[in-house]
PDB file of N, CA and C in Angstrom:
ATOM      1  N   MET A   1      19.968   3.462  -8.671  1.00  0.00           N
ATOM      2  CA  MET A   1      19.847   2.294  -7.843  1.00  0.00           C
ATOM      3  C   MET A   1      19.565   1.072  -8.715  1.00  0.00           C
ATOM      4  N   ASP A   2      20.401   0.845  -9.685  1.00  0.00           N
ATOM      5  CA  ASP A   2      20.222  -0.295 -10.572  1.00  0.00           C
ATOM      6  C   ASP A   2      21.040  -1.461 -10.032  1.00  0.00           C
ATOM      7  N   HIS A   3      20.493  -2.657 -10.149  1.00  0.00           N
ATOM      8  CA  HIS A   3      21.151  -3.834  -9.604  1.00  0.00           C
ATOM      9  C   HIS A   3      21.359  -4.862 -10.700  1.00  0.00           C
ATOM     10  N   ASP A   4      22.482  -5.578 -10.618  1.00  0.00           N
ATOM     11  CA  ASP A   4      22.697  -6.709 -11.502  1.00  0.00           C
ATOM     12  C   ASP A   4      21.894  -7.871 -10.940  1.00  0.00           C
ATOM     13  N   LEU A   5      20.978  -8.396 -11.744  1.00  0.00           N
ATOM     14  CA  LEU A   5      20.103  -9.463 -11.284  1.00  0.00           C
ATOM     15  C   LEU A   5      20.342 -10.743 -12.070  1.00  0.00           C
ATOM     16  N   THR A   6      20.098 -11.851 -11.395  1.00  0.00           N
ATOM     17  CA  THR A   6      20.110 -13.129 -12.102  1.00  0.00           C
ATOM     18  C   THR A   6      18.848 -13.193 -12.962  1.00  0.00           C
ATOM     19  N   ARG A   7      18.755 -14.197 -13.811  1.00  0.00           N
ATOM     20  CA  ARG A   7      17.548 -14.359 -14.635  1.00  0.00           C
ATOM     21  C   ARG A   7      16.312 -14.525 -13.752  1.00  0.00           C
ATOM     22  N   GLN A   8      16.448 -15.325 -12.703  1.00  0.00           N
ATOM     23  CA  GLN A   8      15.318 -15.541 -11.794  1.00  0.00           C
ATOM     24  C   GLN A   8      14.906 -14.243 -11.118  1.00  0.00           C
ATOM     25  N   GLN A   9      15.878 -13.488 -10.675  1.00  0.00           N
ATOM     26  CA  GLN A   9      15.580 -12.222 -10.011  1.00  0.00           C
ATOM     27  C   GLN A   9      14.944 -11.233 -10.989  1.00  0.00           C
ATOM     28  N   GLU A  10      15.442 -11.229 -12.218  1.00  0.00           N
ATOM     29  CA  GLU A  10      14.862 -10.334 -13.228  1.00  0.00           C
ATOM     30  C   GLU A  10      13.420 -10.723 -13.523  1.00  0.00           C
ATOM     31  N   ALA A  11      13.148 -12.013 -13.566  1.00  0.00           N
ATOM     32  CA  ALA A  11      11.772 -12.484 -13.795  1.00  0.00           C
ATOM     33  C   ALA A  11      10.880 -12.068 -12.626  1.00  0.00           C
ATOM     34  N   GLU A  12      11.395 -12.193 -11.406  1.00  0.00           N
ATOM     35  CA  GLU A  12      10.633 -11.770 -10.232  1.00  0.00           C
ATOM     36  C   GLU A  12      10.391 -10.266 -10.274  1.00  0.00           C
ATOM     37  N   ALA A  13      11.414  -9.512 -10.628  1.00  0.00           N
ATOM     38  CA  ALA A  13      11.280  -8.054 -10.719  1.00  0.00           C
ATOM     39  C   ALA A  13      10.200  -7.683 -11.736  1.00  0.00           C
ATOM     40  N   GLN A  14      10.159  -8.373 -12.853  1.00  0.00           N
ATOM     41  CA  GLN A  14       9.153  -8.095 -13.871  1.00  0.00           C
ATOM     42  C   GLN A  14       7.744  -8.408 -13.360  1.00  0.00           C
ATOM     43  N   ARG A  15       7.590  -9.533 -12.655  1.00  0.00           N
ATOM     44  CA  ARG A  15       6.281  -9.888 -12.089  1.00  0.00           C
ATOM     45  C   ARG A  15       5.845  -8.845 -11.059  1.00  0.00           C
ATOM     46  N   LEU A  16       6.777  -8.417 -10.219  1.00  0.00           N
ATOM     47  CA  LEU A  16       6.455  -7.399  -9.216  1.00  0.00           C
ATOM     48  C   LEU A  16       6.086  -6.076  -9.882  1.00  0.00           C
ATOM     49  N   TYR A  17       6.834  -5.711 -10.882  1.00  0.00           N
ATOM     50  CA  TYR A  17       6.558  -4.475 -11.623  1.00  0.00           C
ATOM     51  C   TYR A  17       5.140  -4.503 -12.187  1.00  0.00           C
ATOM     52  N   GLU A  18       4.787  -5.607 -12.801  1.00  0.00           N
ATOM     53  CA  GLU A  18       3.457  -5.734 -13.378  1.00  0.00           C
ATOM     54  C   GLU A  18       2.374  -5.709 -12.297  1.00  0.00           C
ATOM     55  N   ALA A  19       2.632  -6.378 -11.175  1.00  0.00           N
ATOM     56  CA  ALA A  19       1.649  -6.421 -10.092  1.00  0.00           C
ATOM     57  C   ALA A  19       1.461  -5.058  -9.433  1.00  0.00           C
ATOM     58  N   LEU A  20       2.487  -4.240  -9.439  1.00  0.00           N
ATOM     59  CA  LEU A  20       2.437  -2.951  -8.753  1.00  0.00           C
ATOM     60  C   LEU A  20       1.951  -1.802  -9.635  1.00  0.00           C
ATOM     61  N   GLN A  21       1.910  -2.016 -10.943  1.00  0.00           N
ATOM     62  CA  GLN A  21       1.544  -0.911 -11.828  1.00  0.00           C
ATOM     63  C   GLN A  21       0.185  -0.315 -11.481  1.00  0.00           C
ATOM     64  N   GLN A  22      -0.852  -1.140 -11.379  1.00  0.00           N
ATOM     65  CA  GLN A  22      -2.187  -0.592 -11.143  1.00  0.00           C
ATOM     66  C   GLN A  22      -2.319   0.056  -9.765  1.00  0.00           C
ATOM     67  N   PRO A  23      -1.836  -0.595  -8.694  1.00  0.00           N
ATOM     68  CA  PRO A  23      -1.918   0.094  -7.403  1.00  0.00           C
ATOM     69  C   PRO A  23      -1.171   1.438  -7.398  1.00  0.00           C
ATOM     70  N   PHE A  24      -0.020   1.504  -8.064  1.00  0.00           N
ATOM     71  CA  PHE A  24       0.723   2.753  -8.103  1.00  0.00           C
ATOM     72  C   PHE A  24      -0.044   3.813  -8.906  1.00  0.00           C
ATOM     73  N   LEU A  25      -0.629   3.410 -10.025  1.00  0.00           N
ATOM     74  CA  LEU A  25      -1.404   4.355 -10.832  1.00  0.00           C
ATOM     75  C   LEU A  25      -2.639   4.843 -10.070  1.00  0.00           C
ATOM     76  N   ASP A  26      -3.296   3.939  -9.369  1.00  0.00           N
ATOM     77  CA  ASP A  26      -4.463   4.325  -8.579  1.00  0.00           C
ATOM     78  C   ASP A  26      -4.086   5.340  -7.503  1.00  0.00           C
ATOM     79  N   GLU A  27      -2.977   5.086  -6.825  1.00  0.00           N
ATOM     80  CA  GLU A  27      -2.532   6.002  -5.775  1.00  0.00           C
ATOM     81  C   GLU A  27      -2.079   7.334  -6.371  1.00  0.00           C
ATOM     82  N   ALA A  28      -1.434   7.299  -7.535  1.00  0.00           N
ATOM     83  CA  ALA A  28      -1.015   8.538  -8.194  1.00  0.00           C
ATOM     84  C   ALA A  28      -2.235   9.388  -8.544  1.00  0.00           C
ATOM     85  N   ARG A  29      -3.318   8.740  -8.977  1.00  0.00           N
ATOM     86  CA  ARG A  29      -4.544   9.475  -9.292  1.00  0.00           C
ATOM     87  C   ARG A  29      -5.118  10.116  -8.018  1.00  0.00           C
ATOM     88  N   ARG A  30      -5.147   9.346  -6.914  1.00  0.00           N
ATOM     89  CA  ARG A  30      -5.649   9.891  -5.651  1.00  0.00           C
ATOM     90  C   ARG A  30      -4.794  11.078  -5.187  1.00  0.00           C
ATOM     91  N   LEU A  31      -3.478  10.942  -5.326  1.00  0.00           N
ATOM     92  CA  LEU A  31      -2.586  12.038  -4.934  1.00  0.00           C
ATOM     93  C   LEU A  31      -2.807  13.267  -5.807  1.00  0.00           C
ATOM     94  N   ALA A  32      -2.947  13.057  -7.101  1.00  0.00           N
ATOM     95  CA  ALA A  32      -3.169  14.183  -8.013  1.00  0.00           C
ATOM     96  C   ALA A  32      -4.468  14.907  -7.668  1.00  0.00           C
ATOM     97  N   ARG A  33      -5.509  14.149  -7.356  1.00  0.00           N
ATOM     98  CA  ARG A  33      -6.788  14.763  -6.985  1.00  0.00           C
ATOM     99  C   ARG A  33      -6.668  15.505  -5.656  1.00  0.00           C
ATOM    100  N   LEU A  34      -5.973  14.905  -4.702  1.00  0.00           N
ATOM    101  CA  LEU A  34      -5.762  15.558  -3.414  1.00  0.00           C
ATOM    102  C   LEU A  34      -5.052  16.891  -3.608  1.00  0.00           C
ATOM    103  N   LEU A  35      -3.955  16.866  -4.362  1.00  0.00           N
ATOM    104  CA  LEU A  35      -3.159  18.078  -4.552  1.00  0.00           C
ATOM    105  C   LEU A  35      -3.914  19.123  -5.364  1.00  0.00           C
ATOM    106  N   ALA A  36      -4.675  18.692  -6.355  1.00  0.00           N
ATOM    107  CA  ALA A  36      -5.436  19.641  -7.169  1.00  0.00           C
ATOM    108  C   ALA A  36      -6.526  20.316  -6.350  1.00  0.00           C
ATOM    109  N   ALA A  37      -7.029  19.630  -5.336  1.00  0.00           N
ATOM    110  CA  ALA A  37      -8.116  20.173  -4.515  1.00  0.00           C
ATOM    111  C   ALA A  37      -7.634  21.191  -3.486  1.00  0.00           C
ATOM    112  N   LYS A  38      -6.343  21.269  -3.275  1.00  0.00           N
ATOM    113  CA  LYS A  38      -5.814  22.144  -2.220  1.00  0.00           C
ATOM    114  C   LYS A  38      -5.248  23.434  -2.808  1.00  0.00           C
ATOM    115  N   PRO A  39      -5.586  24.571  -2.215  1.00  0.00           N
ATOM    116  CA  PRO A  39      -4.920  25.811  -2.619  1.00  0.00           C
ATOM    117  C   PRO A  39      -3.455  25.782  -2.158  1.00  0.00           C
ATOM    118  N   ALA A  40      -2.636  26.538  -2.802  1.00  0.00           N
ATOM    119  CA  ALA A  40      -1.194  26.543  -2.527  1.00  0.00           C
ATOM    120  C   ALA A  40      -0.862  26.656  -1.038  1.00  0.00           C
ATOM    121  N   PRO A  41      -1.517  27.532  -0.289  1.00  0.00           N
ATOM    122  CA  PRO A  41      -1.161  27.648   1.132  1.00  0.00           C
ATOM    123  C   PRO A  41      -1.448  26.377   1.947  1.00  0.00           C
ATOM    124  N   GLN A  42      -2.277  25.484   1.430  1.00  0.00           N
ATOM    125  CA  GLN A  42      -2.619  24.263   2.165  1.00  0.00           C
ATOM    126  C   GLN A  42      -1.820  23.038   1.729  1.00  0.00           C
ATOM    127  N   LEU A  43      -0.845  23.212   0.828  1.00  0.00           N
ATOM    128  CA  LEU A  43      -0.079  22.061   0.345  1.00  0.00           C
ATOM    129  C   LEU A  43       0.840  21.486   1.416  1.00  0.00           C
ATOM    130  N   LEU A  44       1.279  22.312   2.323  1.00  0.00           N
ATOM    131  CA  LEU A  44       2.124  21.807   3.405  1.00  0.00           C
ATOM    132  C   LEU A  44       1.266  21.618   4.637  1.00  0.00           C
ATOM    133  N   GLY A  45       1.822  21.040   5.655  1.00  0.00           N
ATOM    134  CA  GLY A  45       1.051  20.770   6.863  1.00  0.00           C
ATOM    135  C   GLY A  45       0.271  19.476   6.716  1.00  0.00           C
ATOM    136  N   LYS A  46      -1.040  19.529   6.938  1.00  0.00           N
ATOM    137  CA  LYS A  46      -1.867  18.319   6.909  1.00  0.00           C
ATOM    138  C   LYS A  46      -1.766  17.589   5.565  1.00  0.00           C
ATOM    139  N   THR A  47      -1.805  18.329   4.464  1.00  0.00           N
ATOM    140  CA  THR A  47      -1.730  17.709   3.140  1.00  0.00           C
ATOM    141  C   THR A  47      -0.401  16.993   2.958  1.00  0.00           C
ATOM    142  N   GLU A  48       0.658  17.596   3.442  1.00  0.00           N
ATOM    143  CA  GLU A  48       1.986  16.978   3.360  1.00  0.00           C
ATOM    144  C   GLU A  48       1.982  15.613   4.037  1.00  0.00           C
ATOM    145  N   PHE A  49       1.327  15.517   5.167  1.00  0.00           N
ATOM    146  CA  PHE A  49       1.261  14.238   5.878  1.00  0.00           C
ATOM    147  C   PHE A  49       0.371  13.243   5.144  1.00  0.00           C
ATOM    148  N   GLU A  50      -0.673  13.721   4.491  1.00  0.00           N
ATOM    149  CA  GLU A  50      -1.517  12.835   3.698  1.00  0.00           C
ATOM    150  C   GLU A  50      -0.726  12.243   2.532  1.00  0.00           C
ATOM    151  N   VAL A  51       0.113  13.072   1.910  1.00  0.00           N
ATOM    152  CA  VAL A  51       0.960  12.598   0.811  1.00  0.00           C
ATOM    153  C   VAL A  51       1.974  11.582   1.333  1.00  0.00           C
ATOM    154  N   ARG A  52       2.597  11.857   2.440  1.00  0.00           N
ATOM    155  CA  ARG A  52       3.566  10.920   3.026  1.00  0.00           C
ATOM    156  C   ARG A  52       2.901   9.593   3.373  1.00  0.00           C
ATOM    157  N   ASP A  53       1.690   9.652   3.921  1.00  0.00           N
ATOM    158  CA  ASP A  53       0.958   8.425   4.240  1.00  0.00           C
ATOM    159  C   ASP A  53       0.694   7.600   2.980  1.00  0.00           C
ATOM    160  N   ALA A  54       0.336   8.272   1.899  1.00  0.00           N
ATOM    161  CA  ALA A  54       0.071   7.576   0.642  1.00  0.00           C
ATOM    162  C   ALA A  54       1.334   6.887   0.128  1.00  0.00           C
ATOM    163  N   VAL A  55       2.458   7.571   0.210  1.00  0.00           N
ATOM    164  CA  VAL A  55       3.726   6.997  -0.246  1.00  0.00           C
ATOM    165  C   VAL A  55       4.112   5.806   0.638  1.00  0.00           C
ATOM    166  N   HIS A  56       3.855   5.908   1.920  1.00  0.00           N
ATOM    167  CA  HIS A  56       4.127   4.774   2.811  1.00  0.00           C
ATOM    168  C   HIS A  56       3.220   3.597   2.483  1.00  0.00           C
ATOM    169  N   ARG A  57       1.963   3.857   2.129  1.00  0.00           N
ATOM    170  CA  ARG A  57       1.058   2.776   1.715  1.00  0.00           C
ATOM    171  C   ARG A  57       1.588   2.080   0.472  1.00  0.00           C
ATOM    172  N   LEU A  58       2.109   2.856  -0.470  1.00  0.00           N
ATOM    173  CA  LEU A  58       2.689   2.261  -1.684  1.00  0.00           C
ATOM    174  C   LEU A  58       3.885   1.388  -1.343  1.00  0.00           C
ATOM    175  N   GLY A  59       4.745   1.868  -0.455  1.00  0.00           N
ATOM    176  CA  GLY A  59       5.899   1.077  -0.039  1.00  0.00           C
ATOM    177  C   GLY A  59       5.476  -0.209   0.635  1.00  0.00           C
ATOM    178  N   ALA A  60       4.450  -0.136   1.468  1.00  0.00           N
ATOM    179  CA  ALA A  60       3.949  -1.333   2.147  1.00  0.00           C
ATOM    180  C   ALA A  60       3.386  -2.325   1.135  1.00  0.00           C
ATOM    181  N   ARG A  61       2.694  -1.821   0.114  1.00  0.00           N
ATOM    182  CA  ARG A  61       2.161  -2.725  -0.915  1.00  0.00           C
ATOM    183  C   ARG A  61       3.287  -3.387  -1.695  1.00  0.00           C
ATOM    184  N   ALA A  62       4.341  -2.635  -1.963  1.00  0.00           N
ATOM    185  CA  ALA A  62       5.484  -3.206  -2.683  1.00  0.00           C
ATOM    186  C   ALA A  62       6.133  -4.312  -1.857  1.00  0.00           C
ATOM    187  N   LEU A  63       6.330  -4.049  -0.578  1.00  0.00           N
ATOM    188  CA  LEU A  63       6.926  -5.074   0.286  1.00  0.00           C
ATOM    189  C   LEU A  63       6.034  -6.304   0.389  1.00  0.00           C
ATOM    190  N   GLN A  64       4.728  -6.097   0.525  1.00  0.00           N
ATOM    191  CA  GLN A  64       3.806  -7.221   0.624  1.00  0.00           C
ATOM    192  C   GLN A  64       3.798  -8.027  -0.672  1.00  0.00           C
ATOM    193  N   ALA A  65       3.844  -7.347  -1.806  1.00  0.00           N
ATOM    194  CA  ALA A  65       3.892  -8.040  -3.095  1.00  0.00           C
ATOM    195  C   ALA A  65       5.153  -8.889  -3.205  1.00  0.00           C
ATOM    196  N   ALA A  66       6.277  -8.363  -2.742  1.00  0.00           N
ATOM    197  CA  ALA A  66       7.533  -9.123  -2.784  1.00  0.00           C
ATOM    198  C   ALA A  66       7.449 -10.341  -1.870  1.00  0.00           C
ATOM    199  N   LEU A  67       6.887 -10.159  -0.691  1.00  0.00           N
ATOM    200  CA  LEU A  67       6.739 -11.301   0.228  1.00  0.00           C
ATOM    201  C   LEU A  67       5.811 -12.355  -0.364  1.00  0.00           C
ATOM    202  N   ASP A  68       4.703 -11.914  -0.948  1.00  0.00           N
ATOM    203  CA  ASP A  68       3.766 -12.854  -1.559  1.00  0.00           C
ATOM    204  C   ASP A  68       4.415 -13.613  -2.706  1.00  0.00           C
ATOM    205  N   GLU A  69       5.193 -12.911  -3.500  1.00  0.00           N
ATOM    206  CA  GLU A  69       5.882 -13.540  -4.632  1.00  0.00           C
ATOM    207  C   GLU A  69       6.852 -14.613  -4.141  1.00  0.00           C
ATOM    208  N   ARG A  70       7.549 -14.333  -3.079  1.00  0.00           N
ATOM    209  CA  ARG A  70       8.519 -15.298  -2.558  1.00  0.00           C
ATOM    210  C   ARG A  70       7.824 -16.495  -1.922  1.00  0.00           C
ATOM    211  N   LYS A  71       6.679 -16.259  -1.303  1.00  0.00           N
ATOM    212  CA  LYS A  71       5.922 -17.370  -0.736  1.00  0.00           C
ATOM    213  C   LYS A  71       5.453 -18.320  -1.825  1.00  0.00           C
ATOM    214  N   LYS A  72       5.185 -17.759  -3.019  1.00  0.00           N
ATOM    215  CA  LYS A  72       4.761 -18.591  -4.146  1.00  0.00           C
ATOM    216  C   LYS A  72       5.938 -19.339  -4.754  1.00  0.00           C
ATOM    217  N   GLY A  73       7.153 -19.023  -4.313  1.00  0.00           N
ATOM    218  CA  GLY A  73       8.324 -19.689  -4.860  1.00  0.00           C
ATOM    219  C   GLY A  73       8.929 -18.964  -6.024  1.00  0.00           C
ATOM    220  N   GLY A  74       8.694 -17.652  -6.103  1.00  0.00           N
ATOM    221  CA  GLY A  74       9.207 -16.875  -7.218  1.00  0.00           C
ATOM    222  C   GLY A  74      10.711 -16.729  -7.233  1.00  0.00           C
ATOM    223  N   THR A  75      11.353 -16.826  -6.085  1.00  0.00           N
ATOM    224  CA  THR A  75      12.803 -16.704  -6.003  1.00  0.00           C
ATOM    225  C   THR A  75      13.359 -17.887  -5.231  1.00  0.00           C
ATOM    226  N   ARG A  76      14.304 -18.549  -5.840  1.00  0.00           N
ATOM    227  CA  ARG A  76      14.913 -19.683  -5.178  1.00  0.00           C
ATOM    228  C   ARG A  76      16.380 -19.420  -4.838  1.00  0.00           C
ATOM    229  N   GLY A  77      16.965 -18.446  -5.516  1.00  0.00           N
ATOM    230  CA  GLY A  77      18.354 -18.106  -5.255  1.00  0.00           C
ATOM    231  C   GLY A  77      18.458 -17.125  -4.097  1.00  0.00           C
ATOM    232  N   ARG A  78      19.642 -16.549  -3.934  1.00  0.00           N
ATOM    233  CA  ARG A  78      19.816 -15.578  -2.856  1.00  0.00           C
ATOM    234  C   ARG A  78      19.004 -14.319  -3.151  1.00  0.00           C
ATOM    235  N   ALA A  79      18.557 -13.680  -2.129  1.00  0.00           N
ATOM    236  CA  ALA A  79      17.721 -12.487  -2.300  1.00  0.00           C
ATOM    237  C   ALA A  79      18.582 -11.257  -2.420  1.00  0.00           C
TER     238      ALA A  79
END
């Protein structure tokens, strides 16, 4: 899923990447701890939904970061 970006878009992508690194690492640590705490028979079911919720939280943070970046004027060309 690689995209040809303008210079402005590439700069925005880099800012977003940097802004998202720590939240993604923090969530990855929480997920790793969650999964390590569960015995194999408990990985599916409730734990599966906890993992899905975490991934949805990450997606929401990514979208919010992109919206915030655009509000600051990070992208002036077409999106």
